[in-house]
PDB file of N, CA and C in Angstrom:
ATOM      1  N   MET A   1      -0.700  12.255 -26.006  1.00  0.00           N
ATOM      2  CA  MET A   1       0.588  12.762 -25.867  1.00  0.00           C
ATOM      3  C   MET A   1       1.677  11.684 -25.714  1.00  0.00           C
ATOM      4  N   LEU A   2       2.686  11.880 -26.475  1.00  0.00           N
ATOM      5  CA  LEU A   2       3.925  10.664 -26.437  1.00  0.00           C
ATOM      6  C   LEU A   2       4.744  11.217 -25.300  1.00  0.00           C
ATOM      7  N   ILE A   3       5.155  10.348 -24.401  1.00  0.00           N
ATOM      8  CA  ILE A   3       6.189  10.650 -23.125  1.00  0.00           C
ATOM      9  C   ILE A   3       7.195   9.546 -23.133  1.00  0.00           C
ATOM     10  N   LEU A   4       8.490  10.435 -23.507  1.00  0.00           N
ATOM     11  CA  LEU A   4       9.430   9.400 -23.721  1.00  0.00           C
ATOM     12  C   LEU A   4      10.702   9.553 -22.495  1.00  0.00           C
ATOM     13  N   SER A   5      11.361   8.491 -22.142  1.00  0.00           N
ATOM     14  CA  SER A   5      12.555   8.768 -21.360  1.00  0.00           C
ATOM     15  C   SER A   5      13.793   8.905 -22.155  1.00  0.00           C
ATOM     16  N   ARG A   6      14.528   9.904 -22.103  1.00  0.00           N
ATOM     17  CA  ARG A   6      16.006   9.976 -22.470  1.00  0.00           C
ATOM     18  C   ARG A   6      16.920  10.396 -21.512  1.00  0.00           C
ATOM     19  N   LYS A   7      18.132   9.848 -21.825  1.00  0.00           N
ATOM     20  CA  LYS A   7      19.252  10.168 -21.064  1.00  0.00           C
ATOM     21  C   LYS A   7      20.204  11.046 -21.779  1.00  0.00           C
ATOM     22  N   VAL A   8      21.197  11.855 -21.434  1.00  0.00           N
ATOM     23  CA  VAL A   8      22.222  12.703 -21.840  1.00  0.00           C
ATOM     24  C   VAL A   8      22.668  12.230 -22.899  1.00  0.00           C
ATOM     25  N   ASP A   9      22.734  13.061 -23.951  1.00  0.00           N
ATOM     26  CA  ASP A   9      23.398  12.790 -25.406  1.00  0.00           C
ATOM     27  C   ASP A   9      22.341  12.055 -26.222  1.00  0.00           C
ATOM     28  N   GLU A  10      21.262  11.508 -25.738  1.00  0.00           N
ATOM     29  CA  GLU A  10      20.100  10.961 -26.469  1.00  0.00           C
ATOM     30  C   GLU A  10      19.367  11.989 -27.207  1.00  0.00           C
ATOM     31  N   GLU A  11      18.862  11.567 -28.361  1.00  0.00           N
ATOM     32  CA  GLU A  11      17.891  12.407 -29.174  1.00  0.00           C
ATOM     33  C   GLU A  11      16.398  12.026 -29.363  1.00  0.00           C
ATOM     34  N   ILE A  12      15.609  12.815 -29.619  1.00  0.00           N
ATOM     35  CA  ILE A  12      14.632  12.813 -30.373  1.00  0.00           C
ATOM     36  C   ILE A  12      14.208  13.331 -31.527  1.00  0.00           C
ATOM     37  N   ILE A  13      13.953  12.813 -32.712  1.00  0.00           N
ATOM     38  CA  ILE A  13      13.774  13.058 -33.875  1.00  0.00           C
ATOM     39  C   ILE A  13      12.181  13.646 -34.262  1.00  0.00           C
ATOM     40  N   LEU A  14      12.004  14.649 -34.814  1.00  0.00           N
ATOM     41  CA  LEU A  14      10.668  15.213 -35.313  1.00  0.00           C
ATOM     42  C   LEU A  14      10.693  15.193 -36.573  1.00  0.00           C
ATOM     43  N   GLY A  15       9.899  14.579 -37.302  1.00  0.00           N
ATOM     44  CA  GLY A  15       9.671  14.711 -38.950  1.00  0.00           C
ATOM     45  C   GLY A  15      11.168  14.126 -39.579  1.00  0.00           C
ATOM     46  N   ASN A  16      11.630  15.209 -40.402  1.00  0.00           N
ATOM     47  CA  ASN A  16      12.760  14.901 -41.182  1.00  0.00           C
ATOM     48  C   ASN A  16      13.742  15.854 -40.865  1.00  0.00           C
ATOM     49  N   ASP A  17      13.459  16.720 -40.158  1.00  0.00           N
ATOM     50  CA  ASP A  17      14.527  17.940 -40.008  1.00  0.00           C
ATOM     51  C   ASP A  17      14.627  18.688 -38.454  1.00  0.00           C
ATOM     52  N   ILE A  18      13.990  17.881 -37.620  1.00  0.00           N
ATOM     53  CA  ILE A  18      13.982  18.626 -36.231  1.00  0.00           C
ATOM     54  C   ILE A  18      14.623  17.416 -35.307  1.00  0.00           C
ATOM     55  N   VAL A  19      15.606  17.654 -34.635  1.00  0.00           N
ATOM     56  CA  VAL A  19      16.383  17.131 -33.539  1.00  0.00           C
ATOM     57  C   VAL A  19      16.241  17.667 -32.088  1.00  0.00           C
ATOM     58  N   ILE A  20      15.818  16.982 -31.279  1.00  0.00           N
ATOM     59  CA  ILE A  20      15.858  17.523 -29.738  1.00  0.00           C
ATOM     60  C   ILE A  20      16.867  16.531 -29.112  1.00  0.00           C
ATOM     61  N   LYS A  21      17.998  17.173 -28.600  1.00  0.00           N
ATOM     62  CA  LYS A  21      18.931  16.550 -27.828  1.00  0.00           C
ATOM     63  C   LYS A  21      19.086  16.742 -26.569  1.00  0.00           C
ATOM     64  N   ILE A  22      18.962  15.808 -25.500  1.00  0.00           N
ATOM     65  CA  ILE A  22      19.228  16.183 -24.182  1.00  0.00           C
ATOM     66  C   ILE A  22      20.646  16.410 -23.860  1.00  0.00           C
ATOM     67  N   SER A  23      20.926  17.750 -23.409  1.00  0.00           N
ATOM     68  CA  SER A  23      22.590  18.019 -23.067  1.00  0.00           C
ATOM     69  C   SER A  23      22.732  17.919 -21.573  1.00  0.00           C
ATOM     70  N   GLN A  24      21.795  18.187 -20.979  1.00  0.00           N
ATOM     71  CA  GLN A  24      22.130  17.839 -19.239  1.00  0.00           C
ATOM     72  C   GLN A  24      20.706  17.878 -18.554  1.00  0.00           C
ATOM     73  N   ILE A  25      21.026  16.978 -17.282  1.00  0.00           N
ATOM     74  CA  ILE A  25      20.182  16.593 -16.348  1.00  0.00           C
ATOM     75  C   ILE A  25      20.651  17.119 -15.163  1.00  0.00           C
ATOM     76  N   ALA A  26      19.959  17.933 -14.511  1.00  0.00           N
ATOM     77  CA  ALA A  26      20.528  18.202 -13.121  1.00  0.00           C
ATOM     78  C   ALA A  26      19.461  18.931 -12.159  1.00  0.00           C
ATOM     79  N   LYS A  27      19.600  18.438 -10.863  1.00  0.00           N
ATOM     80  CA  LYS A  27      18.850  19.534  -9.904  1.00  0.00           C
ATOM     81  C   LYS A  27      17.247  19.525 -10.450  1.00  0.00           C
ATOM     82  N   GLY A  28      16.635  18.698 -11.093  1.00  0.00           N
ATOM     83  CA  GLY A  28      15.240  18.801 -11.503  1.00  0.00           C
ATOM     84  C   GLY A  28      15.162  19.477 -12.709  1.00  0.00           C
ATOM     85  N   SER A  29      16.085  19.857 -13.414  1.00  0.00           N
ATOM     86  CA  SER A  29      16.113  20.564 -14.779  1.00  0.00           C
ATOM     87  C   SER A  29      16.748  19.748 -15.797  1.00  0.00           C
ATOM     88  N   VAL A  30      16.273  20.086 -16.955  1.00  0.00           N
ATOM     89  CA  VAL A  30      16.830  19.450 -18.176  1.00  0.00           C
ATOM     90  C   VAL A  30      17.107  20.376 -19.069  1.00  0.00           C
ATOM     91  N   LYS A  31      18.233  20.392 -19.739  1.00  0.00           N
ATOM     92  CA  LYS A  31      18.779  21.337 -20.819  1.00  0.00           C
ATOM     93  C   LYS A  31      18.849  20.380 -21.932  1.00  0.00           C
ATOM     94  N   ILE A  32      17.932  20.882 -23.121  1.00  0.00           N
ATOM     95  CA  ILE A  32      17.809  20.724 -24.405  1.00  0.00           C
ATOM     96  C   ILE A  32      18.345  21.199 -25.645  1.00  0.00           C
ATOM     97  N   GLY A  33      18.730  20.737 -26.570  1.00  0.00           N
ATOM     98  CA  GLY A  33      19.242  21.445 -27.633  1.00  0.00           C
ATOM     99  C   GLY A  33      18.333  21.301 -28.834  1.00  0.00           C
ATOM    100  N   ILE A  34      17.765  22.135 -29.696  1.00  0.00           N
ATOM    101  CA  ILE A  34      16.959  21.847 -30.727  1.00  0.00           C
ATOM    102  C   ILE A  34      17.705  22.139 -31.874  1.00  0.00           C
ATOM    103  N   GLU A  35      17.615  21.400 -33.061  1.00  0.00           N
ATOM    104  CA  GLU A  35      18.273  21.498 -34.296  1.00  0.00           C
ATOM    105  C   GLU A  35      17.154  21.487 -35.267  1.00  0.00           C
ATOM    106  N   ALA A  36      16.565  22.738 -35.892  1.00  0.00           N
ATOM    107  CA  ALA A  36      15.650  22.642 -36.949  1.00  0.00           C
ATOM    108  C   ALA A  36      16.010  23.962 -37.820  1.00  0.00           C
ATOM    109  N   PRO A  37      15.413  23.732 -38.862  1.00  0.00           N
ATOM    110  CA  PRO A  37      15.576  24.928 -39.948  1.00  0.00           C
ATOM    111  C   PRO A  37      15.122  26.305 -39.443  1.00  0.00           C
ATOM    112  N   LYS A  38      15.606  27.282 -40.061  1.00  0.00           N
ATOM    113  CA  LYS A  38      15.628  28.687 -39.530  1.00  0.00           C
ATOM    114  C   LYS A  38      14.190  29.344 -39.356  1.00  0.00           C
ATOM    115  N   GLU A  39      13.732  28.956 -40.242  1.00  0.00           N
ATOM    116  CA  GLU A  39      12.200  29.182 -40.367  1.00  0.00           C
ATOM    117  C   GLU A  39      11.111  28.629 -39.583  1.00  0.00           C
ATOM    118  N   THR A  40      11.621  27.712 -38.692  1.00  0.00           N
ATOM    119  CA  THR A  40      10.761  26.943 -37.763  1.00  0.00           C
ATOM    120  C   THR A  40      10.778  27.788 -36.520  1.00  0.00           C
ATOM    121  N   LEU A  41       9.523  28.454 -36.124  1.00  0.00           N
ATOM    122  CA  LEU A  41       9.172  28.990 -34.956  1.00  0.00           C
ATOM    123  C   LEU A  41       9.265  28.150 -33.798  1.00  0.00           C
ATOM    124  N   ILE A  42      10.322  28.469 -32.862  1.00  0.00           N
ATOM    125  CA  ILE A  42      10.362  27.677 -31.619  1.00  0.00           C
ATOM    126  C   ILE A  42      10.338  28.555 -30.380  1.00  0.00           C
ATOM    127  N   LEU A  43       9.366  28.585 -29.663  1.00  0.00           N
ATOM    128  CA  LEU A  43       9.055  29.381 -28.517  1.00  0.00           C
ATOM    129  C   LEU A  43       8.796  28.627 -27.305  1.00  0.00           C
ATOM    130  N   ARG A  44       9.097  28.953 -26.093  1.00  0.00           N
ATOM    131  CA  ARG A  44       8.955  28.499 -24.853  1.00  0.00           C
ATOM    132  C   ARG A  44       7.217  28.672 -24.630  1.00  0.00           C
ATOM    133  N   GLY A  45       6.617  27.511 -23.854  1.00  0.00           N
ATOM    134  CA  GLY A  45       5.133  27.570 -23.604  1.00  0.00           C
ATOM    135  C   GLY A  45       4.655  28.683 -22.954  1.00  0.00           C
ATOM    136  N   GLU A  46       5.531  29.575 -22.019  1.00  0.00           N
ATOM    137  CA  GLU A  46       5.058  30.461 -21.177  1.00  0.00           C
ATOM    138  C   GLU A  46       4.968  31.684 -22.075  1.00  0.00           C
ATOM    139  N   LEU A  47       6.121  31.760 -22.960  1.00  0.00           N
ATOM    140  CA  LEU A  47       6.230  32.855 -23.835  1.00  0.00           C
ATOM    141  C   LEU A  47       5.074  33.108 -24.870  1.00  0.00           C
ATOM    142  N   LYS A  48       4.678  31.919 -25.401  1.00  0.00           N
ATOM    143  CA  LYS A  48       3.404  31.688 -26.257  1.00  0.00           C
ATOM    144  C   LYS A  48       2.207  32.300 -25.619  1.00  0.00           C
ATOM    145  N   LYS A  49       2.073  31.792 -24.199  1.00  0.00           N
ATOM    146  CA  LYS A  49       0.856  32.213 -23.835  1.00  0.00           C
ATOM    147  C   LYS A  49       0.885  33.675 -23.379  1.00  0.00           C
ATOM    148  N   GLN A  50       1.868  34.209 -23.084  1.00  0.00           N
ATOM    149  CA  GLN A  50       2.145  35.556 -22.832  1.00  0.00           C
ATOM    150  C   GLN A  50       1.887  36.394 -24.184  1.00  0.00           C
ATOM    151  N   ILE A  51       2.385  35.948 -25.400  1.00  0.00           N
ATOM    152  CA  ILE A  51       1.974  36.671 -26.484  1.00  0.00           C
ATOM    153  C   ILE A  51       0.505  36.427 -26.804  1.00  0.00           C
ATOM    154  N   GLU A  52      -0.010  35.320 -26.615  1.00  0.00           N
ATOM    155  CA  GLU A  52      -1.498  35.148 -26.823  1.00  0.00           C
ATOM    156  C   GLU A  52      -2.540  36.096 -26.182  1.00  0.00           C
ATOM    157  N   GLN A  53      -2.013  36.347 -24.611  1.00  0.00           N
ATOM    158  CA  GLN A  53      -2.748  37.071 -23.824  1.00  0.00           C
ATOM    159  C   GLN A  53      -2.523  38.493 -24.301  1.00  0.00           C
ATOM    160  N   SER A  54      -1.398  38.863 -24.527  1.00  0.00           N
ATOM    161  CA  SER A  54      -1.096  40.300 -25.040  1.00  0.00           C
ATOM    162  C   SER A  54      -1.925  40.688 -26.248  1.00  0.00           C
ATOM    163  N   ASN A  55      -1.995  39.726 -27.089  1.00  0.00           N
ATOM    164  CA  ASN A  55      -2.841  40.050 -28.275  1.00  0.00           C
ATOM    165  C   ASN A  55      -4.305  40.100 -28.035  1.00  0.00           C
ATOM    166  N   GLN A  56      -4.904  39.421 -27.072  1.00  0.00           N
ATOM    167  CA  GLN A  56      -6.421  39.252 -26.661  1.00  0.00           C
ATOM    168  C   GLN A  56      -6.376  40.544 -26.087  1.00  0.00           C
ATOM    169  N   LYS A  57      -5.640  41.381 -25.190  1.00  0.00           N
ATOM    170  CA  LYS A  57      -5.772  42.690 -24.595  1.00  0.00           C
ATOM    171  C   LYS A  57      -5.641  43.561 -25.579  1.00  0.00           C
ATOM    172  N   ALA A  58      -4.906  43.812 -26.421  1.00  0.00           N
ATOM    173  CA  ALA A  58      -4.706  44.622 -27.433  1.00  0.00           C
ATOM    174  C   ALA A  58      -5.954  44.871 -28.362  1.00  0.00           C
ATOM    175  N   LEU A  59      -6.595  43.319 -28.579  1.00  0.00           N
ATOM    176  CA  LEU A  59      -8.172  43.520 -29.345  1.00  0.00           C
ATOM    177  C   LEU A  59      -9.199  44.121 -28.279  1.00  0.00           C
ATOM    178  N   VAL A  60      -9.342  43.806 -27.206  1.00  0.00           N
ATOM    179  CA  VAL A  60     -10.165  44.466 -26.227  1.00  0.00           C
ATOM    180  C   VAL A  60      -9.814  45.930 -25.961  1.00  0.00           C
ATOM    181  N   ASP A  61      -8.797  46.272 -26.054  1.00  0.00           N
ATOM    182  CA  ASP A  61      -8.315  47.856 -25.751  1.00  0.00           C
ATOM    183  C   ASP A  61      -8.731  48.622 -27.011  1.00  0.00           C
ATOM    184  N   THR A  62      -8.642  47.723 -28.131  1.00  0.00           N
ATOM    185  CA  THR A  62      -9.013  48.643 -29.474  1.00  0.00           C
ATOM    186  C   THR A  62     -10.807  49.036 -29.528  1.00  0.00           C
ATOM    187  N   ASP A  63     -11.013  50.146 -29.437  1.00  0.00           N
ATOM    188  CA  ASP A  63     -12.474  50.577 -29.294  1.00  0.00           C
ATOM    189  C   ASP A  63     -12.889  50.912 -30.571  1.00  0.00           C
ATOM    190  N   ALA A  64     -14.308  50.968 -30.531  1.00  0.00           N
ATOM    191  CA  ALA A  64     -14.912  51.056 -31.946  1.00  0.00           C
ATOM    192  C   ALA A  64     -14.492  52.195 -32.924  1.00  0.00           C
ATOM    193  N   ASN A  65     -14.351  53.207 -32.253  1.00  0.00           N
ATOM    194  CA  ASN A  65     -14.018  54.472 -32.790  1.00  0.00           C
ATOM    195  C   ASN A  65     -12.593  54.426 -33.624  1.00  0.00           C
ATOM    196  N   THR A  66     -11.690  53.790 -32.561  1.00  0.00           N
ATOM    197  CA  THR A  66     -10.461  53.629 -33.658  1.00  0.00           C
ATOM    198  C   THR A  66     -10.425  52.639 -34.684  1.00  0.00           C
ATOM    199  N   LEU A  67     -11.231  51.540 -34.802  1.00  0.00           N
ATOM    200  CA  LEU A  67     -11.714  51.130 -36.127  1.00  0.00           C
ATOM    201  C   LEU A  67     -12.315  51.572 -37.264  1.00  0.00           C
ATOM    202  N   LYS A  68     -13.267  52.515 -36.815  1.00  0.00           N
ATOM    203  CA  LYS A  68     -13.833  53.589 -37.597  1.00  0.00           C
ATOM    204  C   LYS A  68     -12.839  54.314 -38.321  1.00  0.00           C
ATOM    205  N   ASP A  69     -12.136  54.894 -37.427  1.00  0.00           N
ATOM    206  CA  ASP A  69     -11.271  55.761 -38.250  1.00  0.00           C
ATOM    207  C   ASP A  69     -10.037  55.191 -38.958  1.00  0.00           C
ATOM    208  N   LEU A  70      -9.649  53.872 -38.626  1.00  0.00           N
ATOM    209  CA  LEU A  70      -8.944  53.047 -39.759  1.00  0.00           C
ATOM    210  C   LEU A  70      -9.514  52.760 -40.976  1.00  0.00           C
ATOM    211  N   SER A  71     -10.807  52.523 -40.645  1.00  0.00           N
ATOM    212  CA  SER A  71     -11.482  52.108 -41.849  1.00  0.00           C
ATOM    213  C   SER A  71     -11.747  53.459 -43.006  1.00  0.00           C
ATOM    214  N   LYS A  72     -11.668  54.303 -42.296  1.00  0.00           N
ATOM    215  CA  LYS A  72     -11.885  55.869 -43.077  1.00  0.00           C
ATOM    216  C   LYS A  72     -10.503  55.790 -43.937  1.00  0.00           C
ATOM    217  N   LEU A  73      -9.341  55.673 -42.930  1.00  0.00           N
ATOM    218  CA  LEU A  73      -7.972  55.991 -44.046  1.00  0.00           C
ATOM    219  C   LEU A  73      -7.861  55.000 -44.844  1.00  0.00           C
ATOM    220  N   LEU A  74      -8.263  53.690 -44.837  1.00  0.00           N
ATOM    221  CA  LEU A  74      -7.872  52.592 -45.736  1.00  0.00           C
ATOM    222  C   LEU A  74      -8.843  53.082 -47.014  1.00  0.00           C
ATOM    223  N   LYS A  75      -9.911  53.726 -46.722  1.00  0.00           N
ATOM    224  CA  LYS A  75     -10.845  53.731 -48.141  1.00  0.00           C
ATOM    225  C   LYS A  75     -10.284  54.970 -48.934  1.00  0.00           C
ATOM    226  N   LYS A  76      -9.336  55.825 -48.204  1.00  0.00           N
ATOM    227  CA  LYS A  76      -8.862  56.912 -49.219  1.00  0.00           C
ATOM    228  C   LYS A  76      -7.726  56.504 -50.241  1.00  0.00           C
TER     229      LYS A  76
END
């Protein structure tokens, strides 16, 4: 992991087309701006974990009969 120190208005460049800019530092919080192509997915870490957990739960909740029924429908 690369750890950098930055001040307000300083930037970090990722690749050729992603710029992370520090916009504000106050009370133990840092606000950043991210410039990236529209097709680049940007998620907060906790949201990504929540999505992964939700997907895992959906897999567990799907029972074998549901999969068999779906398989029958796809064969028609």
